[in-house]
Every structure is written in structure tokens, then in C-alpha cells.
Amino acid sequence: MRWHKRLLTAGVVGAVAMTASACAGGQVRGASQPPSAPATQPGASTGTSAAPAAANDKTFVYAPNLEVVTDWDPATSYSNENIAMQNIYESLTRYNAESKKPEPRLATEWSSADGGKEWTFKLREGVKFHSGNPVTAEAAKKAIERTMKLKSGAAYIWDAVKKIEAPDDGTLKFTLKYATPLDLVASSGYASYIYDTSVVDKVKDGTTDAGSGPYTVDTWAKGKETELTLKAFDDYWGGWKPGQYKKVAFRVTPELTTAWQLLKNGEVTFVQRLNPQLFAQAGSTPGVQATRTPSFQNLMLLFNTESGPLKDVRVRQALQKVLDYDGLAAALEGAGVKGSGLVPQGLLGFTPGLEPKQNLQEATDLLAAADYGPDIKELKLSLTYAQGDADQQLMVTLLSSQLKKLNVTLQAKPMQWNAQWDLGKKKGQDIFVMYWFPDYADPYSWFVNVFRSADPVSFNLSYLKDEAIDKAIDGLPELTATDRAAAEQAYADLQKKIIEEKAAVAVPYVQTYQRALTAGVQGYVDNPAYPNVVSFYDLTLAG
């Protein structure tokens, strides 16, 4: 999916408010760290016990419900593989959900000038790619320029960039077309990676990588239960301490109850999502710790606006009014909360007053106007959703039950993400269910990826095509940087048009992350800016 793809906390609040003007005048942000210091990654816990002295020979086993890798190229990767890529590759900065600011990663400090249209980043010294080549400003320049040239995935994050220069090995300079908070952009969960362009063309088969992060690819077996394993990069700039995990495995486990049993039996270390019943058990199960974190990730039902029965806007509007949103939120028992519009609370563009509401009478009238409904004509609709996602399955069950009362049969099919996405790109369903989350702490991602016209189709899985909407979306980045109030209004207007006028989508809930992991793991912090990512380097195993 993007879990989907792709998914953050009320704690990750409008970081986009950190527009370039906040950094103007050459103010330096970020603190230099010695390259030899094993610095804690931003977002890591600061309150855990010191790492045990004994070496940790255990493998950290992550149990996702969906296949891990759809694309190995760090420039174009834009899906579930972020859970691995964020441990293999590094960006200039990393977003810290506690401070609500970008923090040093490959860049140790940065400054802006000319009202936020010029940015200078100082790079960490002594960093190597896994290939052995040094991470220099020229290497970073080539990586970002290649990502921009490919124009795929989240490459749009660099759209403001006019020119990149590398005056010396440790200095990277950007000249922008318009003011942009580039330190925030550089912390993106996708397309911000700095990688070795001399070897990146060899990464497609998953036998190698082009990163500089703490882990490198060990094995990849597409379609296998243990799909991917990682191993420590011994020359990582942060160094290694006893107690840290040096081996990682991703064991694909579609069934949630199976993943829970594996965790209790000690066969896996981390389960990314638990339903309310299992989450309640996790809190009292010996050997298990449970965590709960609010998110910026919402669930979307994308309606096929181009073909089939949902080409009729009246049918789409009827579907928006069928689901019992309040009942679903209650049934989720804290695993999800009802949102308002497309943008979750805490981000620029959150718009109160767009909360979805059930109205079966209006739904019946709209269907009747389109010649469907009780005592008229049966409507059959196809829907695809994520295999192994109990929350989505619950939503589908409730929706199907309500639709049946209106003589609408929902043919729902749970699928692995790659298969679901492939079908969606062929426009093979009436309703496509997926999660979405921002690429960095900004709402633009929902609009440019999901609702802007796209040919070929990628994530615009409602197939919406509207020139006025496209034009408004294209103006959002510059408007956000130059006139926050106008951007707020533009986001509100777009949401009303997409949801109410076009009826291209329904948004049932905003997810709350409910995880479970082995009790002996120390240092785990859920950073909602990087959904479902576990920063393995931050973790130690208690003795």
C-alpha cells in the first residue's frame, strides 16, 4: 500500500509552519557532532538504560502483514519498503517528533539566506557508503539530481530546487525557485536519500544497495515468508556498541493472530499492528511490551470516478453516507479516531467541519436517483483492501452490511499490496482502500499524489481528472512558504471540492498506532514521521 504505501501523531504538529522565513538571515540550525561519536539517531529514546556489555547475537525479527519491497531504487521507492530503506539509507536531516524539528543526520548543521531561497548544509566527515566510497557533497549532489531527473515516487519534494552546488567535499549549497523549508523537506521519508550513484543501477535485484546507513542488504527472497534480511555495516559512522542488533529479518505474516502467537513464542520481535482485542492482551502478557502512538495516517476509500457505476457522482455521494463512522470508531476501541477531511489534525490544512456522517435516507435517495436501491435494481461493487489488516476488514464488514440493506452487494477482496496496486493501476475495481501518510510533516502529499491527474496511474486511484484541482494543487508549495493563511484556505477549499463536490473519496478514520514487541527490547520510540519504521540501530537487548 503505501500500508497502503503509505500512513502521524498529534505530536508531529505543523512542522511546515517552519517556513524558510523562520530560518532566514543565515541562522544556523543543527548542532555539529564529531563523526566518530556513536550519536543517537533523532527520535531515539533518551531515557533507556545503557546498553548491556554483552554482545547481542540475536536477530530482530519484524513481522509485517504485507510484502516488504516493491522498488529497491532509493530515488523512486515509494511504498512499504520504507521500513527497510530507512535503515539502509540516510538523508541530510531526520525529523524528530518530540522536538518537532529536523535534526542532523548526514548534515551536521545548515543555514538559510535570501528569505529561505538559499540553503547551505555542512556534511558529516568520514562517512562511507556501503560500497566503500566516501559520502561527499558532490556525491550528495549527484544523488539528489538523479532523483529529480527521474521524477518518480516522491521526487516532487525537490521541485523548489533550481541549482545545487558542491563548493567543497563538506558543503552542499541549494538555490531555490521559491522559499521552502528545505531542512524539513530533506527529512522526508521518501526521495530524500543520499546514495552512491556509481552503484545504484545494480540495486534492482536486491543483492546490494547504495546506502550509507547502519544496515546493508544481506538476503532478499521475494515472495518468501522471510523476505528480507539485513546485516550491520561495520564501517558505519556512528560506530557499534555491544547490545545493539546487528542482524534484522522481515518475516511476512499476513494473519494477525499468527503474528501475535509468533511474538508470544519468541519467534518474532515486533508486530506493527494489533487489533483492539490483541492489544489489550499485549498489555498484560509476560515477555511483551505494547505501545500506542497517535498518527497522521488515515484510511481512504477511493472511488472509481472514471468508469463503472461509480462514474455517477450520485452513487459516490451515496456511498459516502452509508458507512456508520461513529460505530466504526467505537468498534476500533482506540485503534482509530474519526477525522475531518483529508488532512489529519496537527498538520497545516486540517479543516474542522468536514467530519463524515452517516445518513441512510440521503444515501437511499441518491441511489434511487441513479436507478439503484431497494425494489429498483441491484448494484454490485468491487472493493479491494489490504490482506491481514483487521481494521480494514472491520470497516469492510460494516460497510457491506449497511449496503446490503440498500440492495447493494459489495464484492470485497483482501489482497497483498503489490497485487492490489497492480490491479488499481489497471483501474480494475470500483473502490480502492488504502492508507496514506505525509512524506514529511506537510499535507501536500495527499493532494499531489492521490488527487492530481496522473497518466500513467500511480496513486491517483480514484482516477480523478480536473484541471482546476490540478492548478490549485500545483500552487500549494509556494503558497505554503509565502502565505500560510492563504495556504490554509486553499487546502480547505480543495478538500471540500474533492470530498463534497467530486465525491472522489471517503475517509473513515485516522489510525492510532498499536504495536507490540519483545519486552527485553530497549530504546524503541515510534516516530510517526516515518510510519511503521523501526530504527534498529537505536535498539538494544536487555541482558
Protein backbone atom coordinates (compact mmCIF):
# COMPACT_ATOMS: atom_id res chain seq x y z
CA MET A 1 0.00 0.00 0.00
CA ARG A 2 1.89 2.65 0.83
CA TRP A 3 0.18 0.38 4.15
CA HIS A 4 -1.10 1.26 1.90
CA LYS A 5 2.10 2.83 0.84
CA ARG A 6 1.86 4.52 2.76
CA LEU A 7 0.12 6.39 6.85
CA LEU A 8 1.16 10.56 12.26
CA THR A 9 0.93 11.92 15.81
CA ALA A 10 -0.79 14.89 17.15
CA GLY A 11 2.73 15.29 18.43
CA VAL A 12 4.11 15.85 14.95
CA VAL A 13 2.44 19.21 14.67
CA GLY A 14 2.54 21.60 11.73
CA ALA A 15 6.21 21.47 11.12
CA VAL A 16 5.56 23.03 7.78
CA ALA A 17 4.97 26.19 9.75
CA MET A 18 8.73 26.19 9.90
CA THR A 19 8.82 28.05 6.64
CA ALA A 20 12.00 29.46 5.28
CA SER A 21 11.35 32.78 6.93
CA ALA A 22 11.90 31.11 10.28
CA CYS A 23 15.42 30.30 9.21
CA ALA A 24 16.19 33.43 7.26
CA GLY A 25 19.18 35.66 7.82
CA GLY A 26 21.73 32.88 7.79
CA GLN A 27 20.68 31.40 11.14
CA VAL A 28 22.33 28.02 11.67
CA ARG A 29 20.12 25.08 12.66
CA GLY A 30 21.50 21.80 13.89
CA ALA A 31 24.45 21.01 16.05
CA SER A 32 27.73 19.63 14.83
CA GLN A 33 28.63 16.16 16.11
CA PRO A 34 32.05 14.53 15.90
CA PRO A 35 32.00 11.95 13.11
CA SER A 36 33.41 9.32 15.39
CA ALA A 37 30.73 9.72 18.05
CA PRO A 38 28.05 6.98 18.09
CA ALA A 39 25.33 9.63 18.04
CA THR A 40 21.80 8.64 18.90
CA GLN A 41 19.57 8.83 15.86
CA PRO A 42 16.98 11.61 16.08
CA GLY A 43 13.78 10.29 17.57
CA ALA A 44 15.57 7.70 19.70
CA SER A 45 14.74 7.27 23.33
CA THR A 46 16.93 9.13 25.79
CA GLY A 47 15.58 7.52 28.91
CA THR A 48 16.51 3.86 28.45
CA SER A 49 19.20 2.04 30.34
CA ALA A 50 22.74 1.86 29.00
CA ALA A 51 23.39 -0.89 26.50
CA PRO A 52 24.38 -4.16 28.16
CA ALA A 53 28.03 -5.10 27.96
CA ALA A 54 27.39 -8.49 26.35
CA ALA A 55 27.36 -8.72 22.56
CA ASN A 56 23.91 -9.15 21.04
CA ASP A 57 23.87 -12.06 18.59
CA LYS A 58 20.06 -12.10 18.35
CA THR A 59 18.18 -11.27 15.15
CA PHE A 60 15.50 -8.59 15.40
CA VAL A 61 12.52 -10.10 13.55
CA TYR A 62 9.93 -7.65 12.23
CA ALA A 63 6.57 -9.19 11.22
CA PRO A 64 4.81 -7.03 8.60
CA ASN A 65 1.45 -8.20 7.24
CA LEU A 66 2.35 -7.20 3.67
CA GLU A 67 5.25 -7.87 1.34
CA VAL A 68 8.16 -5.55 2.07
CA VAL A 69 9.80 -4.48 -1.18
CA THR A 70 8.17 -3.07 -4.31
CA ASP A 71 11.11 -0.94 -5.51
CA TRP A 72 14.78 -1.06 -4.50
CA ASP A 73 15.81 2.22 -6.16
CA PRO A 74 16.23 4.88 -3.44
CA ALA A 75 15.20 7.58 -5.92
CA THR A 76 11.85 6.06 -6.88
CA SER A 77 10.96 3.88 -3.87
CA TYR A 78 7.56 4.96 -2.59
CA SER A 79 5.90 2.13 -0.72
CA ASN A 80 6.18 -0.39 2.09
CA GLU A 81 9.94 -0.86 1.69
CA ASN A 82 10.47 2.32 3.73
CA ILE A 83 10.62 0.02 6.77
CA ALA A 84 13.88 -1.35 5.38
CA MET A 85 15.16 1.59 3.34
CA GLN A 86 15.17 3.94 6.34
CA ASN A 87 17.73 1.63 7.94
CA ILE A 88 19.84 1.20 4.79
CA TYR A 89 19.87 4.79 3.51
CA GLU A 90 20.23 8.17 5.18
CA SER A 91 19.07 11.71 4.41
CA LEU A 92 20.60 15.08 5.19
CA THR A 93 18.25 15.54 8.14
CA ARG A 94 15.81 13.47 10.17
CA TYR A 95 12.56 14.69 11.70
CA ASN A 96 12.30 14.48 15.48
CA ALA A 97 8.69 14.05 16.56
CA GLU A 98 9.41 15.22 20.10
CA SER A 99 11.15 18.49 19.24
CA LYS A 100 9.04 18.88 16.08
CA LYS A 101 12.17 19.90 14.18
CA PRO A 102 14.59 18.35 11.72
CA GLU A 103 17.80 17.15 13.33
CA PRO A 104 21.25 16.20 11.98
CA ARG A 105 21.79 13.02 10.01
CA LEU A 106 24.30 13.24 7.17
CA ALA A 107 24.28 17.02 7.58
CA THR A 108 25.54 18.28 10.92
CA GLU A 109 24.37 21.88 10.52
CA TRP A 110 22.65 24.09 7.99
CA SER A 111 21.67 27.69 7.35
CA SER A 112 19.36 29.63 5.08
CA ALA A 113 19.58 33.06 3.45
CA ASP A 114 17.75 35.25 0.94
CA GLY A 115 14.42 34.74 2.67
CA GLY A 116 14.70 30.98 2.53
CA LYS A 117 15.70 30.71 -1.14
CA GLU A 118 19.30 29.73 -0.40
CA TRP A 119 20.36 26.85 1.84
CA THR A 120 23.79 25.57 2.85
CA PHE A 121 24.32 22.18 4.51
CA LYS A 122 27.57 21.08 6.16
CA LEU A 123 28.11 17.34 5.81
CA ARG A 124 29.37 14.92 8.40
CA GLU A 125 33.01 13.99 7.91
CA GLY A 126 34.33 10.47 7.48
CA VAL A 127 31.09 8.86 6.26
CA LYS A 128 31.28 5.96 3.80
CA PHE A 129 28.75 4.37 1.51
CA HIS A 130 28.42 0.62 1.77
CA SER A 131 30.41 0.47 -1.47
CA GLY A 132 33.38 1.97 0.40
CA ASN A 133 33.17 5.25 -1.49
CA PRO A 134 33.13 8.44 0.61
CA VAL A 135 29.95 10.44 1.18
CA THR A 136 30.91 13.84 -0.19
CA ALA A 137 28.95 16.92 -1.21
CA GLU A 138 29.49 16.00 -4.85
CA ALA A 139 28.08 12.52 -4.21
CA ALA A 140 25.06 14.01 -2.44
CA LYS A 141 24.56 16.47 -5.30
CA LYS A 142 24.58 13.66 -7.86
CA ALA A 143 22.10 11.60 -5.84
CA ILE A 144 19.57 14.42 -5.46
CA GLU A 145 19.96 15.46 -9.10
CA ARG A 146 19.34 11.88 -10.22
CA THR A 147 16.22 11.67 -8.05
CA MET A 148 14.97 14.95 -9.50
CA LYS A 149 15.67 13.77 -13.05
CA LEU A 150 13.77 10.51 -12.62
CA LYS A 151 10.65 12.42 -11.46
CA SER A 152 9.14 9.39 -9.79
CA GLY A 153 7.82 8.50 -6.35
CA ALA A 154 8.22 11.46 -4.01
CA ALA A 155 10.75 13.29 -6.21
CA TYR A 156 8.36 16.25 -6.14
CA ILE A 157 9.83 17.17 -2.73
CA TRP A 158 12.77 18.75 -4.62
CA ASP A 159 10.59 20.77 -7.04
CA ALA A 160 11.69 24.07 -5.49
CA VAL A 161 15.35 23.38 -6.27
CA LYS A 162 16.84 25.49 -9.07
CA LYS A 163 20.52 24.64 -8.64
CA ILE A 164 22.77 22.50 -6.42
CA GLU A 165 26.45 23.23 -5.87
CA ALA A 166 29.25 21.40 -4.05
CA PRO A 167 31.97 24.03 -3.45
CA ASP A 168 33.97 21.54 -1.37
CA ASP A 169 33.64 17.98 -0.11
CA GLY A 170 31.79 19.04 3.02
CA THR A 171 29.48 21.78 1.74
CA LEU A 172 26.24 21.42 -0.20
CA LYS A 173 24.51 24.58 -1.45
CA PHE A 174 20.97 24.89 -2.83
CA THR A 175 19.47 27.78 -4.75
CA LEU A 176 15.67 27.60 -4.83
CA LYS A 177 13.00 28.93 -7.17
CA TYR A 178 10.90 29.96 -4.18
CA ALA A 179 11.24 29.92 -0.41
CA THR A 180 10.95 26.44 1.06
CA PRO A 181 11.81 24.89 4.46
CA LEU A 182 14.47 22.70 2.86
CA ASP A 183 15.70 21.28 6.18
CA LEU A 184 12.21 19.82 6.64
CA VAL A 185 11.97 18.65 3.03
CA ALA A 186 15.34 16.91 3.41
CA SER A 187 13.92 14.83 6.28
CA SER A 188 11.30 13.22 4.03
CA GLY A 189 10.66 9.51 4.42
CA TYR A 190 10.97 9.05 0.66
CA ALA A 191 13.14 10.51 -2.14
CA SER A 192 15.43 12.36 0.28
CA TYR A 193 18.04 9.60 0.43
CA ILE A 194 21.69 10.32 -0.30
CA TYR A 195 23.08 7.33 -2.21
CA ASP A 196 26.09 6.24 -4.26
CA THR A 197 25.14 6.92 -7.87
CA SER A 198 28.11 4.89 -9.11
CA VAL A 199 26.49 1.65 -7.92
CA VAL A 200 22.77 2.48 -7.70
CA ASP A 201 21.97 0.84 -11.05
CA LYS A 202 22.96 -2.51 -9.50
CA VAL A 203 20.41 -2.44 -6.66
CA LYS A 204 17.37 -3.65 -8.59
CA ASP A 205 17.81 -7.34 -7.79
CA GLY A 206 18.14 -6.73 -4.05
CA THR A 207 21.60 -8.28 -3.77
CA THR A 208 23.29 -4.99 -2.94
CA ASP A 209 22.45 -1.39 -2.06
CA ALA A 210 23.86 2.09 -2.45
CA GLY A 211 23.31 3.44 1.04
CA SER A 212 25.34 4.72 3.96
CA GLY A 213 23.05 3.68 6.82
CA PRO A 214 23.79 1.34 9.71
CA TYR A 215 22.50 -1.73 7.85
CA THR A 216 23.08 -3.23 4.43
CA VAL A 217 21.20 -5.90 2.46
CA ASP A 218 22.08 -9.47 3.36
CA THR A 219 19.46 -11.55 1.50
CA TRP A 220 16.24 -10.87 -0.39
CA ALA A 221 13.81 -13.63 -1.41
CA LYS A 222 10.74 -12.06 -2.99
CA GLY A 223 7.57 -13.98 -2.16
CA LYS A 224 9.16 -15.96 0.68
CA GLU A 225 7.98 -15.75 4.29
CA THR A 226 11.34 -14.38 5.43
CA GLU A 227 11.54 -11.95 2.56
CA LEU A 228 14.47 -9.78 3.58
CA THR A 229 17.42 -9.86 5.97
CA LEU A 230 19.80 -7.04 6.83
CA LYS A 231 23.22 -7.08 8.45
CA ALA A 232 25.26 -4.41 10.19
CA PHE A 233 27.52 -2.17 8.12
CA ASP A 234 30.72 -2.46 10.14
CA ASP A 235 32.12 0.89 8.97
CA TYR A 236 29.02 2.87 9.92
CA TRP A 237 29.99 6.39 11.03
CA GLY A 238 28.09 6.05 14.30
CA GLY A 239 30.07 3.00 15.37
CA TRP A 240 28.66 -0.03 17.15
CA LYS A 241 28.20 -0.88 20.82
CA PRO A 242 27.61 -4.23 22.49
CA GLY A 243 23.89 -4.86 22.83
CA GLN A 244 22.85 -3.32 19.53
CA TYR A 245 21.11 -5.51 16.97
CA LYS A 246 23.43 -6.38 14.10
CA LYS A 247 21.02 -8.72 12.31
CA VAL A 248 17.47 -7.95 11.15
CA ALA A 249 14.86 -10.11 9.40
CA PHE A 250 11.48 -9.23 7.92
CA ARG A 251 9.10 -12.19 8.24
CA VAL A 252 5.92 -11.53 6.27
CA THR A 253 2.94 -12.68 8.33
CA PRO A 254 -0.43 -11.79 6.77
CA GLU A 255 -2.58 -13.18 9.60
CA LEU A 256 -2.58 -11.02 12.71
CA THR A 257 -3.32 -13.87 15.11
CA THR A 258 -0.37 -15.79 13.70
CA ALA A 259 1.93 -12.80 14.18
CA TRP A 260 0.71 -12.47 17.78
CA GLN A 261 1.41 -16.13 18.52
CA LEU A 262 4.88 -15.85 16.99
CA LEU A 263 5.59 -12.85 19.20
CA LYS A 264 4.43 -14.64 22.35
CA ASN A 265 6.52 -17.67 21.38
CA GLY A 266 9.62 -15.52 20.89
CA GLU A 267 9.87 -16.22 17.15
CA VAL A 268 9.36 -12.58 16.13
CA THR A 269 10.37 -9.40 17.93
CA PHE A 270 7.95 -6.78 16.60
CA VAL A 271 4.35 -6.77 15.35
CA GLN A 272 3.47 -3.49 13.66
CA ARG A 273 -0.29 -3.57 14.22
CA LEU A 274 -2.65 -5.20 16.72
CA ASN A 275 -6.43 -5.16 16.78
CA PRO A 276 -8.09 -3.86 19.98
CA GLN A 277 -8.54 -7.32 21.48
CA LEU A 278 -4.95 -8.41 20.97
CA PHE A 279 -3.63 -5.02 22.02
CA ALA A 280 -5.48 -5.37 25.32
CA GLN A 281 -3.88 -8.79 25.78
CA ALA A 282 -0.44 -7.43 24.94
CA GLY A 283 -0.56 -5.06 27.87
CA SER A 284 -0.77 -7.94 30.33
CA THR A 285 1.22 -10.65 28.56
CA PRO A 286 4.55 -11.60 30.17
CA GLY A 287 7.51 -11.01 27.89
CA VAL A 288 5.66 -8.49 25.73
CA GLN A 289 5.53 -4.68 25.76
CA ALA A 290 2.83 -2.66 23.98
CA THR A 291 2.97 0.90 22.66
CA ARG A 292 0.30 3.29 21.38
CA THR A 293 1.00 6.47 19.38
CA PRO A 294 -1.34 8.88 17.56
CA SER A 295 -0.64 9.25 13.85
CA PHE A 296 -1.05 11.30 10.69
CA GLN A 297 -2.10 8.16 8.80
CA ASN A 298 -5.67 7.92 7.58
CA LEU A 299 -7.67 5.33 5.71
CA MET A 300 -9.19 6.28 2.37
CA LEU A 301 -11.88 4.67 0.22
CA LEU A 302 -11.04 5.86 -3.28
CA PHE A 303 -13.99 5.70 -5.67
CA ASN A 304 -13.52 4.97 -9.37
CA THR A 305 -14.64 8.27 -10.89
CA GLU A 306 -13.78 7.23 -14.44
CA SER A 307 -15.72 4.08 -15.21
CA GLY A 308 -18.36 1.67 -13.96
CA PRO A 309 -21.34 2.55 -11.75
CA LEU A 310 -19.29 4.95 -9.62
CA LYS A 311 -18.77 7.20 -12.62
CA ASP A 312 -22.12 8.65 -11.48
CA VAL A 313 -21.36 11.19 -8.75
CA ARG A 314 -24.71 10.46 -7.10
CA VAL A 315 -23.64 6.88 -6.43
CA ARG A 316 -20.33 8.06 -4.98
CA GLN A 317 -22.13 10.56 -2.73
CA ALA A 318 -24.46 7.78 -1.59
CA LEU A 319 -21.51 5.59 -0.61
CA GLN A 320 -20.07 8.44 1.48
CA LYS A 321 -23.28 8.48 3.51
CA VAL A 322 -23.73 4.74 4.06
CA LEU A 323 -20.93 3.89 6.48
CA ASP A 324 -21.57 4.24 10.23
CA TYR A 325 -18.45 6.27 11.01
CA ASP A 326 -19.22 6.70 14.71
CA GLY A 327 -19.95 3.00 15.08
CA LEU A 328 -16.71 2.11 13.33
CA ALA A 329 -14.70 4.41 15.59
CA ALA A 330 -16.33 2.83 18.65
CA ALA A 331 -15.64 -0.68 17.35
CA LEU A 332 -11.98 0.19 16.78
CA GLU A 333 -11.67 0.88 20.54
CA GLY A 334 -8.95 3.48 20.21
CA ALA A 335 -7.18 1.97 17.18
CA GLY A 336 -8.66 4.73 15.03
CA VAL A 337 -10.49 8.02 15.51
CA LYS A 338 -12.87 9.87 13.22
CA GLY A 339 -11.10 12.63 11.33
CA SER A 340 -12.26 15.70 9.44
CA GLY A 341 -11.40 15.84 5.75
CA LEU A 342 -8.24 14.54 4.14
CA VAL A 343 -5.70 16.26 6.40
CA PRO A 344 -5.26 14.87 9.94
CA GLN A 345 -5.31 17.22 12.90
CA GLY A 346 -1.93 18.78 13.67
CA LEU A 347 -0.99 19.49 10.06
CA LEU A 348 -1.41 22.64 8.02
CA GLY A 349 -4.73 22.35 6.20
CA PHE A 350 -6.66 20.46 8.87
CA THR A 351 -10.24 21.65 8.37
CA PRO A 352 -12.89 21.21 11.10
CA GLY A 353 -16.41 20.70 9.87
CA LEU A 354 -15.63 18.02 7.30
CA GLU A 355 -16.31 15.09 9.63
CA PRO A 356 -18.08 12.29 7.73
CA LYS A 357 -21.63 11.45 8.84
CA GLN A 358 -23.93 8.56 8.14
CA ASN A 359 -27.29 9.42 6.55
CA LEU A 360 -29.04 6.35 5.18
CA GLN A 361 -32.09 8.27 3.94
CA GLU A 362 -29.97 10.59 1.82
CA ALA A 363 -27.97 7.60 0.58
CA THR A 364 -31.22 5.84 -0.41
CA ASP A 365 -32.48 8.91 -2.26
CA LEU A 366 -29.21 9.37 -4.14
CA LEU A 367 -29.15 5.72 -5.20
CA ALA A 368 -32.78 5.90 -6.31
CA ALA A 369 -31.97 8.93 -8.46
CA ALA A 370 -29.36 6.76 -10.18
CA ASP A 371 -31.89 3.89 -10.55
CA TYR A 372 -30.47 1.69 -7.81
CA GLY A 373 -31.76 0.62 -4.43
CA PRO A 374 -34.44 -1.45 -2.71
CA ASP A 375 -37.21 -2.52 -5.06
CA ILE A 376 -35.35 -0.97 -8.01
CA LYS A 377 -32.13 -2.56 -9.27
CA GLU A 378 -29.28 -4.34 -7.51
CA LEU A 379 -25.91 -2.59 -7.60
CA LYS A 380 -22.76 -4.73 -7.48
CA LEU A 381 -19.49 -3.08 -6.50
CA SER A 382 -15.97 -4.48 -6.27
CA LEU A 383 -13.63 -3.38 -3.45
CA THR A 384 -10.02 -4.28 -2.70
CA TYR A 385 -8.25 -3.86 0.64
CA ALA A 386 -5.10 -4.94 2.49
CA GLN A 387 -4.81 -8.59 3.40
CA GLY A 388 -4.22 -9.14 7.11
CA ASP A 389 -5.41 -5.68 8.21
CA ALA A 390 -8.05 -6.30 10.87
CA ASP A 391 -9.14 -2.66 11.00
CA GLN A 392 -9.77 -2.51 7.26
CA GLN A 393 -11.60 -5.83 7.45
CA LEU A 394 -13.85 -4.46 10.20
CA MET A 395 -14.63 -1.39 8.11
CA VAL A 396 -15.43 -3.56 5.08
CA THR A 397 -17.75 -5.78 7.16
CA LEU A 398 -19.70 -2.79 8.49
CA LEU A 399 -19.90 -1.15 5.06
CA SER A 400 -21.05 -4.36 3.40
CA SER A 401 -23.78 -4.85 6.00
CA GLN A 402 -25.16 -1.34 5.52
CA LEU A 403 -25.01 -1.55 1.73
CA LYS A 404 -26.91 -4.82 1.69
CA LYS A 405 -29.92 -3.03 3.20
CA LEU A 406 -29.89 -0.73 0.16
CA ASN A 407 -29.72 -3.61 -2.37
CA VAL A 408 -26.02 -3.06 -2.96
CA THR A 409 -23.74 -6.11 -2.99
CA LEU A 410 -20.12 -5.43 -2.07
CA GLN A 411 -17.66 -7.91 -3.53
CA ALA A 412 -14.66 -7.30 -1.26
CA LYS A 413 -11.30 -8.92 -1.85
CA PRO A 414 -8.33 -8.81 0.56
CA MET A 415 -5.03 -8.64 -1.34
CA GLN A 416 -1.30 -8.32 -0.86
CA TRP A 417 -0.27 -4.75 -1.66
CA ASN A 418 1.65 -5.41 -4.87
CA ALA A 419 -1.28 -7.30 -6.39
CA GLN A 420 -3.84 -4.76 -5.18
CA TRP A 421 -1.80 -1.85 -6.51
CA ASP A 422 -1.21 -3.53 -9.87
CA LEU A 423 -4.95 -4.07 -10.23
CA GLY A 424 -5.63 -0.48 -9.20
CA LYS A 425 -3.26 0.89 -11.81
CA LYS A 426 -5.30 -1.07 -14.39
CA LYS A 427 -8.49 0.52 -12.99
CA GLY A 428 -9.77 -2.93 -12.07
CA GLN A 429 -12.02 -2.13 -9.09
CA ASP A 430 -14.79 0.25 -8.04
CA ILE A 431 -13.38 1.04 -4.59
CA PHE A 432 -9.69 1.00 -3.66
CA VAL A 433 -8.95 1.03 0.09
CA MET A 434 -5.56 2.23 1.32
CA TYR A 435 -3.80 4.23 3.99
CA TRP A 436 -1.97 7.46 3.31
CA PHE A 437 0.51 9.49 5.33
CA PRO A 438 2.66 12.53 4.54
CA ASP A 439 6.14 12.18 3.08
CA TYR A 440 7.27 14.82 5.55
CA ALA A 441 5.27 16.86 8.07
CA ASP A 442 3.18 18.63 5.44
CA PRO A 443 -0.19 17.76 3.81
CA TYR A 444 0.84 18.30 0.18
CA SER A 445 1.46 14.59 -0.36
CA TRP A 446 -2.24 13.70 -0.16
CA PHE A 447 -3.09 16.13 -2.92
CA VAL A 448 -0.22 15.86 -5.41
CA ASN A 449 -0.10 12.07 -5.27
CA VAL A 450 -3.66 10.93 -4.70
CA PHE A 451 -5.86 13.56 -6.35
CA ARG A 452 -3.82 15.26 -9.04
CA SER A 453 -4.37 13.93 -12.57
CA ALA A 454 -1.88 11.17 -13.37
CA ASP A 455 -1.11 9.29 -16.57
CA PRO A 456 0.03 6.62 -16.10
CA VAL A 457 -1.79 6.00 -12.85
CA SER A 458 0.31 5.64 -9.72
CA PHE A 459 -1.53 6.57 -6.53
CA ASN A 460 -4.37 8.58 -8.10
CA LEU A 461 -6.57 5.53 -7.65
CA SER A 462 -9.82 7.47 -7.87
CA TYR A 463 -8.69 8.42 -11.40
CA LEU A 464 -9.87 11.96 -10.78
CA LYS A 465 -9.12 14.41 -13.60
CA ASP A 466 -9.90 18.07 -13.02
CA GLU A 467 -7.84 20.94 -14.40
CA ALA A 468 -8.94 23.40 -11.73
CA ILE A 469 -8.00 20.98 -8.96
CA ASP A 470 -4.65 20.29 -10.64
CA LYS A 471 -3.89 24.00 -10.89
CA ALA A 472 -4.76 24.60 -7.24
CA ILE A 473 -2.59 21.66 -6.15
CA ASP A 474 0.37 22.89 -8.18
CA GLY A 475 0.27 26.23 -6.37
CA LEU A 476 0.31 24.79 -2.85
CA PRO A 477 4.08 24.52 -2.15
CA GLU A 478 4.92 28.13 -2.94
CA LEU A 479 1.75 29.37 -1.25
CA THR A 480 2.65 27.39 1.88
CA ALA A 481 6.07 29.06 2.02
CA THR A 482 4.86 32.60 1.31
CA ASP A 483 1.34 32.95 2.75
CA ARG A 484 0.34 30.44 5.40
CA ALA A 485 -3.19 31.82 5.84
CA ALA A 486 -3.85 31.59 2.11
CA ALA A 487 -2.45 28.05 2.07
CA GLU A 488 -4.79 27.06 4.92
CA GLN A 489 -7.74 28.33 2.89
CA ALA A 490 -6.53 26.66 -0.30
CA TYR A 491 -6.27 23.31 1.45
CA ALA A 492 -9.75 23.74 2.94
CA ASP A 493 -11.24 24.65 -0.46
CA LEU A 494 -9.57 21.69 -2.16
CA GLN A 495 -10.83 19.25 0.44
CA LYS A 496 -14.39 20.49 0.08
CA LYS A 497 -14.21 20.19 -3.70
CA ILE A 498 -12.64 16.71 -3.68
CA ILE A 499 -14.84 15.27 -0.93
CA GLU A 500 -18.16 17.08 -1.32
CA GLU A 501 -18.39 18.18 -4.95
CA LYS A 502 -16.42 15.41 -6.66
CA ALA A 503 -17.13 12.74 -4.02
CA ALA A 504 -13.90 11.01 -5.01
CA VAL A 505 -13.15 9.65 -1.54
CA ALA A 506 -14.43 8.75 1.89
CA VAL A 507 -12.14 8.94 4.92
CA PRO A 508 -13.41 6.64 7.71
CA TYR A 509 -10.72 7.21 10.35
CA VAL A 510 -7.26 8.37 11.33
CA GLN A 511 -5.20 5.50 12.66
CA THR A 512 -3.64 5.18 16.10
CA TYR A 513 -0.50 3.05 16.02
CA GLN A 514 -0.78 -0.01 18.29
CA ARG A 515 2.42 -2.06 18.36
CA ALA A 516 3.77 -4.97 20.35
CA LEU A 517 7.37 -6.07 20.80
CA THR A 518 9.53 -8.25 22.97
CA ALA A 519 9.81 -6.89 26.50
CA GLY A 520 13.61 -7.01 26.55
CA VAL A 521 14.00 -4.55 23.69
CA GLN A 522 15.15 -1.15 24.92
CA GLY A 523 15.15 2.21 23.12
CA TYR A 524 12.08 1.78 20.92
CA VAL A 525 10.34 5.05 20.02
CA ASP A 526 7.56 5.26 17.44
CA ASN A 527 8.38 8.24 15.21
CA PRO A 528 5.17 8.96 13.28
CA ALA A 529 7.10 10.93 10.66
CA TYR A 530 8.39 7.55 9.47
CA PRO A 531 5.34 5.28 9.66
CA ASN A 532 5.97 1.67 10.62
CA VAL A 533 9.73 2.21 10.56
CA VAL A 534 11.74 0.68 13.39
CA SER A 535 15.16 2.32 13.76
CA PHE A 536 17.00 -0.86 14.62
CA TYR A 537 20.26 0.95 15.32
CA ASP A 538 18.65 2.69 18.30
CA LEU A 539 17.70 -0.57 19.99
CA THR A 540 19.48 -2.77 22.48
CA LEU A 541 18.53 -6.05 24.07
CA ALA A 542 18.48 -6.17 27.85
CA GLY A 543 20.65 -8.83 29.39
